[in-house]
Amino acid sequence: MKKIDIIILSNTADEKYHNLLSITVNSIKSQTNIETNIILVETNKEYKSKEQYNLPIDILVVPADEKFHFNKFLNYGLEHSTADYICFSNNDVRYFKNCFYEIVEALQTFDSVSPYGIGYACSHRFDQNITTEDYYLNGGFLGWCYCFTRKTMNECFGGKFDERFAFYRQDLDVLTEMQHKKFKHGVVGPAKAEHLNIEGKHGRGSNSYKLLGSAEDIHFYTHHPEQSRLYREKWE
């Protein structure tokens, strides 16, 4: 049976996200025809035990007792990952039946995939029966769930993510890296997942190569200048 490591950034100190994490974990643990291994990078400074937060005993918890840094914390999780397939997931996602089985099946022919995002405005563009090649941020590439083969992680990213990106523009940098190096990404129609944070369902979609100078780019540059400047300097 194939195995996938699922790396989740968590903050059990926040009651809302602790409750959402429970939904995420339970939906992963209910998957069939695939072995799932959850690696939880935990930012709660008061965390002491899995029992304290009703977490399954077989989850690996990696403490991250420092200022939040998205890529650095994902890399902490990667240090404990050994499976041939890796998923990077938010802590507020519900995965539906056979989602990870379908994801791993798609990764036999794609370098990277995201599930079909239920409720996203862009999702209507994708056939729910096949995997469709697509490179639109929050369209085919979902920043809240993307999955790689180990080969992609090593050959495209050198085994870890660029730690100059702390949060903003992180997902766009990952997507652009894959496009630049011609790694194939797709959205897996039969693999259904729902981002439970309603604010994340805008789903307009944006092509990374067409983003520079767009209204969205200008908005991010105005509100998050340092990370936006870094992205521009790296990819212009």
C-alpha atoms as a PDB file:
ATOM      1  CA  MET A   1       0.000   0.000   0.000  1.00  0.00           C
ATOM      2  CA  LYS A   2       1.330   3.431  -0.931  1.00  0.00           C
ATOM      3  CA  LYS A   3       2.039   5.975   1.809  1.00  0.00           C
ATOM      4  CA  ILE A   4       1.755   9.755   1.934  1.00  0.00           C
ATOM      5  CA  ASP A   5       3.094  12.084   4.620  1.00  0.00           C
ATOM      6  CA  ILE A   6       0.761  14.990   5.412  1.00  0.00           C
ATOM      7  CA  ILE A   7       2.479  18.020   6.954  1.00  0.00           C
ATOM      8  CA  ILE A   8       0.137  20.384   8.798  1.00  0.00           C
ATOM      9  CA  LEU A   9       0.974  23.670  10.518  1.00  0.00           C
ATOM     10  CA  SER A  10      -1.099  23.883  13.698  1.00  0.00           C
ATOM     11  CA  ASN A  11      -1.919  26.194  16.581  1.00  0.00           C
ATOM     12  CA  THR A  12      -3.943  24.302  19.177  1.00  0.00           C
ATOM     13  CA  ALA A  13      -3.921  27.382  21.450  1.00  0.00           C
ATOM     14  CA  ASP A  14      -6.605  28.924  19.221  1.00  0.00           C
ATOM     15  CA  GLU A  15      -9.908  27.197  20.025  1.00  0.00           C
ATOM     16  CA  LYS A  16     -11.375  27.854  16.587  1.00  0.00           C
ATOM     17  CA  TYR A  17      -8.422  26.331  14.765  1.00  0.00           C
ATOM     18  CA  HIS A  18      -8.108  23.513  17.275  1.00  0.00           C
ATOM     19  CA  ASN A  19     -11.684  22.517  16.427  1.00  0.00           C
ATOM     20  CA  LEU A  20     -10.994  22.823  12.693  1.00  0.00           C
ATOM     21  CA  LEU A  21      -7.836  20.751  13.113  1.00  0.00           C
ATOM     22  CA  SER A  22      -9.943  17.973  14.650  1.00  0.00           C
ATOM     23  CA  ILE A  23     -12.086  17.906  11.511  1.00  0.00           C
ATOM     24  CA  THR A  24      -8.962  17.846   9.326  1.00  0.00           C
ATOM     25  CA  VAL A  25      -7.305  15.038  11.276  1.00  0.00           C
ATOM     26  CA  ASN A  26     -10.465  12.925  11.472  1.00  0.00           C
ATOM     27  CA  SER A  27     -11.037  13.234   7.740  1.00  0.00           C
ATOM     28  CA  ILE A  28      -7.452  12.110   7.081  1.00  0.00           C
ATOM     29  CA  LYS A  29      -7.661   9.202   9.515  1.00  0.00           C
ATOM     30  CA  SER A  30     -10.836   7.969   7.777  1.00  0.00           C
ATOM     31  CA  GLN A  31      -9.091   7.607   4.396  1.00  0.00           C
ATOM     32  CA  THR A  32      -8.919   4.097   2.917  1.00  0.00           C
ATOM     33  CA  ASN A  33      -6.702   2.276   0.374  1.00  0.00           C
ATOM     34  CA  ILE A  34      -3.780   4.518   1.338  1.00  0.00           C
ATOM     35  CA  GLU A  35      -1.465   4.822   4.343  1.00  0.00           C
ATOM     36  CA  THR A  36      -1.499   8.337   5.764  1.00  0.00           C
ATOM     37  CA  ASN A  37       1.115   9.680   8.172  1.00  0.00           C
ATOM     38  CA  ILE A  38       0.338  13.023   9.830  1.00  0.00           C
ATOM     39  CA  ILE A  39       3.215  15.319  10.827  1.00  0.00           C
ATOM     40  CA  LEU A  40       1.891  18.199  12.915  1.00  0.00           C
ATOM     41  CA  VAL A  41       4.160  21.228  13.274  1.00  0.00           C
ATOM     42  CA  GLU A  42       2.758  22.764  16.454  1.00  0.00           C
ATOM     43  CA  THR A  43       3.154  26.471  17.275  1.00  0.00           C
ATOM     44  CA  ASN A  44       1.278  26.393  20.597  1.00  0.00           C
ATOM     45  CA  LYS A  45       3.882  27.280  23.226  1.00  0.00           C
ATOM     46  CA  GLU A  46       1.704  25.661  25.924  1.00  0.00           C
ATOM     47  CA  TYR A  47       1.514  22.310  24.124  1.00  0.00           C
ATOM     48  CA  LYS A  48       2.512  19.412  26.379  1.00  0.00           C
ATOM     49  CA  SER A  49       0.898  16.219  25.117  1.00  0.00           C
ATOM     50  CA  LYS A  50      -1.397  14.729  22.463  1.00  0.00           C
ATOM     51  CA  GLU A  51      -3.871  13.702  25.166  1.00  0.00           C
ATOM     52  CA  GLN A  52      -4.155  17.333  26.271  1.00  0.00           C
ATOM     53  CA  TYR A  53      -5.600  18.254  22.856  1.00  0.00           C
ATOM     54  CA  ASN A  54      -7.315  14.958  21.973  1.00  0.00           C
ATOM     55  CA  LEU A  55      -4.900  14.165  19.160  1.00  0.00           C
ATOM     56  CA  PRO A  56      -4.464  10.583  17.874  1.00  0.00           C
ATOM     57  CA  ILE A  57      -1.519   8.837  19.493  1.00  0.00           C
ATOM     58  CA  ASP A  58       0.121   7.938  16.167  1.00  0.00           C
ATOM     59  CA  ILE A  59       0.484  11.557  14.990  1.00  0.00           C
ATOM     60  CA  LEU A  60       4.014  12.946  15.037  1.00  0.00           C
ATOM     61  CA  VAL A  61       4.069  16.368  16.725  1.00  0.00           C
ATOM     62  CA  VAL A  62       7.022  18.637  15.937  1.00  0.00           C
ATOM     63  CA  PRO A  63       7.234  21.659  18.311  1.00  0.00           C
ATOM     64  CA  ALA A  64       7.978  25.045  16.699  1.00  0.00           C
ATOM     65  CA  ASP A  65       8.388  27.368  19.667  1.00  0.00           C
ATOM     66  CA  GLU A  66       9.304  30.548  17.786  1.00  0.00           C
ATOM     67  CA  LYS A  67       7.775  33.312  15.693  1.00  0.00           C
ATOM     68  CA  PHE A  68       5.514  31.926  12.968  1.00  0.00           C
ATOM     69  CA  HIS A  69       7.332  31.344   9.678  1.00  0.00           C
ATOM     70  CA  PHE A  70       5.441  29.361   7.037  1.00  0.00           C
ATOM     71  CA  ASN A  71       8.287  27.938   4.965  1.00  0.00           C
ATOM     72  CA  LYS A  72      10.623  27.352   7.895  1.00  0.00           C
ATOM     73  CA  PHE A  73       7.905  25.406   9.705  1.00  0.00           C
ATOM     74  CA  LEU A  74       7.098  23.351   6.588  1.00  0.00           C
ATOM     75  CA  ASN A  75      10.791  22.531   6.400  1.00  0.00           C
ATOM     76  CA  TYR A  76      10.697  21.373  10.039  1.00  0.00           C
ATOM     77  CA  GLY A  77       8.004  18.927   9.005  1.00  0.00           C
ATOM     78  CA  LEU A  78       9.987  17.827   5.958  1.00  0.00           C
ATOM     79  CA  GLU A  79      12.891  16.858   8.203  1.00  0.00           C
ATOM     80  CA  HIS A  80      10.656  14.112   9.611  1.00  0.00           C
ATOM     81  CA  SER A  81       9.123  13.026   6.301  1.00  0.00           C
ATOM     82  CA  THR A  82      10.230   9.794   4.604  1.00  0.00           C
ATOM     83  CA  ALA A  83       7.318   8.788   2.326  1.00  0.00           C
ATOM     84  CA  ASP A  84       7.520   8.898  -1.476  1.00  0.00           C
ATOM     85  CA  TYR A  85       4.569  11.319  -1.511  1.00  0.00           C
ATOM     86  CA  ILE A  86       4.141  14.512   0.553  1.00  0.00           C
ATOM     87  CA  CYS A  87       1.116  16.715   1.158  1.00  0.00           C
ATOM     88  CA  PHE A  88       1.276  20.231   2.604  1.00  0.00           C
ATOM     89  CA  SER A  89      -2.070  21.015   4.194  1.00  0.00           C
ATOM     90  CA  ASN A  90      -3.710  23.805   6.126  1.00  0.00           C
ATOM     91  CA  ASN A  91      -5.206  22.900   9.488  1.00  0.00           C
ATOM     92  CA  ASP A  92      -8.737  23.781   8.325  1.00  0.00           C
ATOM     93  CA  VAL A  93      -9.434  21.325   5.493  1.00  0.00           C
ATOM     94  CA  ARG A  94     -11.992  18.523   5.245  1.00  0.00           C
ATOM     95  CA  TYR A  95     -10.876  15.662   3.007  1.00  0.00           C
ATOM     96  CA  PHE A  96     -13.560  13.502   1.450  1.00  0.00           C
ATOM     97  CA  LYS A  97     -13.599   9.763   0.772  1.00  0.00           C
ATOM     98  CA  ASN A  98     -10.633   8.392  -1.191  1.00  0.00           C
ATOM     99  CA  CYS A  99      -9.118  11.868  -1.570  1.00  0.00           C
ATOM    100  CA  PHE A 100      -5.554  10.816  -0.809  1.00  0.00           C
ATOM    101  CA  TYR A 101      -5.836   7.585  -2.758  1.00  0.00           C
ATOM    102  CA  GLU A 102      -6.822   9.624  -5.829  1.00  0.00           C
ATOM    103  CA  ILE A 103      -4.045  12.152  -5.151  1.00  0.00           C
ATOM    104  CA  VAL A 104      -1.363   9.456  -5.045  1.00  0.00           C
ATOM    105  CA  GLU A 105      -2.767   7.824  -8.178  1.00  0.00           C
ATOM    106  CA  ALA A 106      -2.502  11.168  -9.983  1.00  0.00           C
ATOM    107  CA  LEU A 107       1.077  11.584  -8.756  1.00  0.00           C
ATOM    108  CA  GLN A 108       2.038   8.572 -10.840  1.00  0.00           C
ATOM    109  CA  THR A 109       1.886  10.844 -13.908  1.00  0.00           C
ATOM    110  CA  PHE A 110       2.020  14.382 -12.434  1.00  0.00           C
ATOM    111  CA  ASP A 111       4.854  15.968 -10.435  1.00  0.00           C
ATOM    112  CA  SER A 112       2.496  17.951  -8.213  1.00  0.00           C
ATOM    113  CA  VAL A 113      -1.260  18.050  -7.636  1.00  0.00           C
ATOM    114  CA  SER A 114      -3.984  19.715  -5.594  1.00  0.00           C
ATOM    115  CA  PRO A 115      -7.425  18.264  -4.859  1.00  0.00           C
ATOM    116  CA  TYR A 116     -10.646  19.555  -6.361  1.00  0.00           C
ATOM    117  CA  GLY A 117     -11.611  22.484  -4.114  1.00  0.00           C
ATOM    118  CA  ILE A 118     -15.289  22.268  -3.233  1.00  0.00           C
ATOM    119  CA  GLY A 119     -16.935  25.694  -3.157  1.00  0.00           C
ATOM    120  CA  TYR A 120     -14.220  27.514  -5.112  1.00  0.00           C
ATOM    121  CA  ALA A 121     -15.339  29.806  -7.886  1.00  0.00           C
ATOM    122  CA  CYS A 122     -12.722  28.367 -10.266  1.00  0.00           C
ATOM    123  CA  SER A 123     -13.602  24.717  -9.639  1.00  0.00           C
ATOM    124  CA  HIS A 124     -16.287  24.638 -12.330  1.00  0.00           C
ATOM    125  CA  ARG A 125     -13.478  24.761 -14.925  1.00  0.00           C
ATOM    126  CA  PHE A 126     -12.274  21.261 -13.992  1.00  0.00           C
ATOM    127  CA  ASP A 127     -13.618  17.849 -14.955  1.00  0.00           C
ATOM    128  CA  GLN A 128     -14.347  15.980 -11.719  1.00  0.00           C
ATOM    129  CA  ASN A 129     -13.468  12.640 -13.326  1.00  0.00           C
ATOM    130  CA  ILE A 130      -9.889  13.318 -14.429  1.00  0.00           C
ATOM    131  CA  THR A 131      -6.730  15.196 -13.456  1.00  0.00           C
ATOM    132  CA  THR A 132      -6.393  18.465 -15.377  1.00  0.00           C
ATOM    133  CA  GLU A 133      -3.088  20.259 -15.903  1.00  0.00           C
ATOM    134  CA  ASP A 134      -3.425  23.778 -14.469  1.00  0.00           C
ATOM    135  CA  TYR A 135      -1.168  26.492 -13.011  1.00  0.00           C
ATOM    136  CA  TYR A 136      -3.570  29.063 -11.617  1.00  0.00           C
ATOM    137  CA  LEU A 137      -3.089  30.078  -7.995  1.00  0.00           C
ATOM    138  CA  ASN A 138      -6.258  29.282  -6.015  1.00  0.00           C
ATOM    139  CA  GLY A 139      -7.575  27.621  -9.137  1.00  0.00           C
ATOM    140  CA  GLY A 140      -5.730  24.406  -9.946  1.00  0.00           C
ATOM    141  CA  PHE A 141      -2.933  25.095  -7.468  1.00  0.00           C
ATOM    142  CA  LEU A 142      -4.410  25.454  -3.992  1.00  0.00           C
ATOM    143  CA  GLY A 143      -2.175  27.145  -1.447  1.00  0.00           C
ATOM    144  CA  TRP A 144      -4.030  25.327   1.346  1.00  0.00           C
ATOM    145  CA  CYS A 145      -3.310  21.863  -0.066  1.00  0.00           C
ATOM    146  CA  TYR A 146      -0.656  20.825  -2.562  1.00  0.00           C
ATOM    147  CA  CYS A 147       1.042  17.458  -2.892  1.00  0.00           C
ATOM    148  CA  PHE A 148       4.381  16.443  -4.401  1.00  0.00           C
ATOM    149  CA  THR A 149       6.325  13.345  -5.181  1.00  0.00           C
ATOM    150  CA  ARG A 150       9.561  13.084  -3.213  1.00  0.00           C
ATOM    151  CA  LYS A 151      11.363  13.416  -6.550  1.00  0.00           C
ATOM    152  CA  THR A 152       9.675  16.785  -7.188  1.00  0.00           C
ATOM    153  CA  MET A 153      10.541  18.028  -3.705  1.00  0.00           C
ATOM    154  CA  ASN A 154      14.187  17.140  -4.198  1.00  0.00           C
ATOM    155  CA  GLU A 155      14.706  18.091  -7.830  1.00  0.00           C
ATOM    156  CA  CYS A 156      12.576  21.236  -8.000  1.00  0.00           C
ATOM    157  CA  PHE A 157      13.141  22.672  -4.526  1.00  0.00           C
ATOM    158  CA  GLY A 158      16.372  21.046  -3.396  1.00  0.00           C
ATOM    159  CA  GLY A 159      14.545  19.201  -0.620  1.00  0.00           C
ATOM    160  CA  LYS A 160      13.230  22.277   1.191  1.00  0.00           C
ATOM    161  CA  PHE A 161      11.356  25.531   0.627  1.00  0.00           C
ATOM    162  CA  ASP A 162      12.888  28.993   0.295  1.00  0.00           C
ATOM    163  CA  GLU A 163      12.963  30.369   3.846  1.00  0.00           C
ATOM    164  CA  ARG A 164      13.128  33.956   2.657  1.00  0.00           C
ATOM    165  CA  PHE A 165       9.333  33.656   2.294  1.00  0.00           C
ATOM    166  CA  ALA A 166       7.760  33.773   5.761  1.00  0.00           C
ATOM    167  CA  PHE A 167       4.115  33.775   4.613  1.00  0.00           C
ATOM    168  CA  TYR A 168       2.893  36.159   1.911  1.00  0.00           C
ATOM    169  CA  ARG A 169       3.809  35.099  -1.636  1.00  0.00           C
ATOM    170  CA  GLN A 170       4.962  31.684  -0.373  1.00  0.00           C
ATOM    171  CA  ASP A 171       2.424  29.722  -2.419  1.00  0.00           C
ATOM    172  CA  LEU A 172       3.002  31.866  -5.499  1.00  0.00           C
ATOM    173  CA  ASP A 173       6.759  31.328  -5.215  1.00  0.00           C
ATOM    174  CA  VAL A 174       6.253  27.550  -5.043  1.00  0.00           C
ATOM    175  CA  LEU A 175       4.000  27.595  -8.102  1.00  0.00           C
ATOM    176  CA  THR A 176       6.350  29.840 -10.086  1.00  0.00           C
ATOM    177  CA  GLU A 177       9.318  27.623  -9.235  1.00  0.00           C
ATOM    178  CA  MET A 178       7.516  24.626 -10.702  1.00  0.00           C
ATOM    179  CA  GLN A 179       6.475  26.499 -13.832  1.00  0.00           C
ATOM    180  CA  HIS A 180       9.969  27.910 -14.325  1.00  0.00           C
ATOM    181  CA  LYS A 181      11.505  24.416 -14.098  1.00  0.00           C
ATOM    182  CA  LYS A 182       8.686  22.827 -16.120  1.00  0.00           C
ATOM    183  CA  PHE A 183       7.314  20.523 -13.446  1.00  0.00           C
ATOM    184  CA  LYS A 184       3.793  19.340 -14.219  1.00  0.00           C
ATOM    185  CA  HIS A 185       0.960  20.347 -11.857  1.00  0.00           C
ATOM    186  CA  GLY A 186      -2.668  19.251 -11.987  1.00  0.00           C
ATOM    187  CA  VAL A 187      -5.962  19.428 -10.131  1.00  0.00           C
ATOM    188  CA  VAL A 188      -7.354  15.970  -9.283  1.00  0.00           C
ATOM    189  CA  GLY A 189     -11.058  15.993 -10.112  1.00  0.00           C
ATOM    190  CA  PRO A 190     -11.972  12.799  -8.182  1.00  0.00           C
ATOM    191  CA  ALA A 191     -10.096  14.004  -5.045  1.00  0.00           C
ATOM    192  CA  LYS A 192     -12.499  16.275  -3.181  1.00  0.00           C
ATOM    193  CA  ALA A 193     -11.494  18.623  -0.353  1.00  0.00           C
ATOM    194  CA  GLU A 194     -13.092  21.634   1.292  1.00  0.00           C
ATOM    195  CA  HIS A 195     -11.262  24.613   2.756  1.00  0.00           C
ATOM    196  CA  LEU A 196     -13.327  25.292   5.858  1.00  0.00           C
ATOM    197  CA  ASN A 197     -12.136  28.882   6.260  1.00  0.00           C
ATOM    198  CA  ILE A 198     -14.839  30.679   4.248  1.00  0.00           C
ATOM    199  CA  GLU A 199     -12.518  33.629   3.569  1.00  0.00           C
ATOM    200  CA  GLY A 200     -10.356  31.348   1.458  1.00  0.00           C
ATOM    201  CA  LYS A 201     -13.064  30.575  -1.097  1.00  0.00           C
ATOM    202  CA  HIS A 202     -12.574  33.572  -3.380  1.00  0.00           C
ATOM    203  CA  GLY A 203     -10.926  31.231  -5.863  1.00  0.00           C
ATOM    204  CA  ARG A 204     -10.535  33.796  -8.640  1.00  0.00           C
ATOM    205  CA  GLY A 205      -7.328  32.209  -9.808  1.00  0.00           C
ATOM    206  CA  SER A 206      -4.254  33.971 -11.125  1.00  0.00           C
ATOM    207  CA  ASN A 207      -1.481  32.808 -13.425  1.00  0.00           C
ATOM    208  CA  SER A 208       1.880  33.444 -11.748  1.00  0.00           C
ATOM    209  CA  TYR A 209       3.607  34.459 -14.973  1.00  0.00           C
ATOM    210  CA  LYS A 210       0.876  37.020 -15.688  1.00  0.00           C
ATOM    211  CA  LEU A 211       0.635  38.355 -12.144  1.00  0.00           C
ATOM    212  CA  LEU A 212       3.502  40.847 -12.051  1.00  0.00           C
ATOM    213  CA  GLY A 213       2.117  44.349 -12.509  1.00  0.00           C
ATOM    214  CA  SER A 214      -1.512  43.219 -12.179  1.00  0.00           C
ATOM    215  CA  ALA A 215      -4.016  44.799  -9.779  1.00  0.00           C
ATOM    216  CA  GLU A 216      -3.566  41.855  -7.419  1.00  0.00           C
ATOM    217  CA  ASP A 217       0.206  42.255  -7.502  1.00  0.00           C
ATOM    218  CA  ILE A 218      -0.065  45.980  -6.773  1.00  0.00           C
ATOM    219  CA  HIS A 219      -2.408  45.255  -3.850  1.00  0.00           C
ATOM    220  CA  PHE A 220       0.056  42.810  -2.299  1.00  0.00           C
ATOM    221  CA  TYR A 221       2.983  45.113  -2.972  1.00  0.00           C
ATOM    222  CA  THR A 222       1.162  47.925  -1.136  1.00  0.00           C
ATOM    223  CA  HIS A 223       0.221  45.854   1.929  1.00  0.00           C
ATOM    224  CA  HIS A 224       3.137  43.387   2.084  1.00  0.00           C
ATOM    225  CA  PRO A 225       6.015  45.214   0.388  1.00  0.00           C
ATOM    226  CA  GLU A 226       8.960  43.162   1.677  1.00  0.00           C
ATOM    227  CA  GLN A 227       7.667  39.740   0.558  1.00  0.00           C
ATOM    228  CA  SER A 228       6.287  41.190  -2.685  1.00  0.00           C
ATOM    229  CA  ARG A 229       9.599  42.855  -3.466  1.00  0.00           C
ATOM    230  CA  LEU A 230      11.398  39.569  -2.812  1.00  0.00           C
ATOM    231  CA  TYR A 231       9.094  37.746  -5.214  1.00  0.00           C
ATOM    232  CA  ARG A 232       9.576  40.396  -7.910  1.00  0.00           C
ATOM    233  CA  GLU A 233      13.353  40.350  -7.547  1.00  0.00           C
ATOM    234  CA  LYS A 234      13.437  36.550  -7.731  1.00  0.00           C
ATOM    235  CA  TRP A 235      11.199  36.125 -10.767  1.00  0.00           C
ATOM    236  CA  GLU A 236      11.156  39.341 -12.840  1.00  0.00           C
END
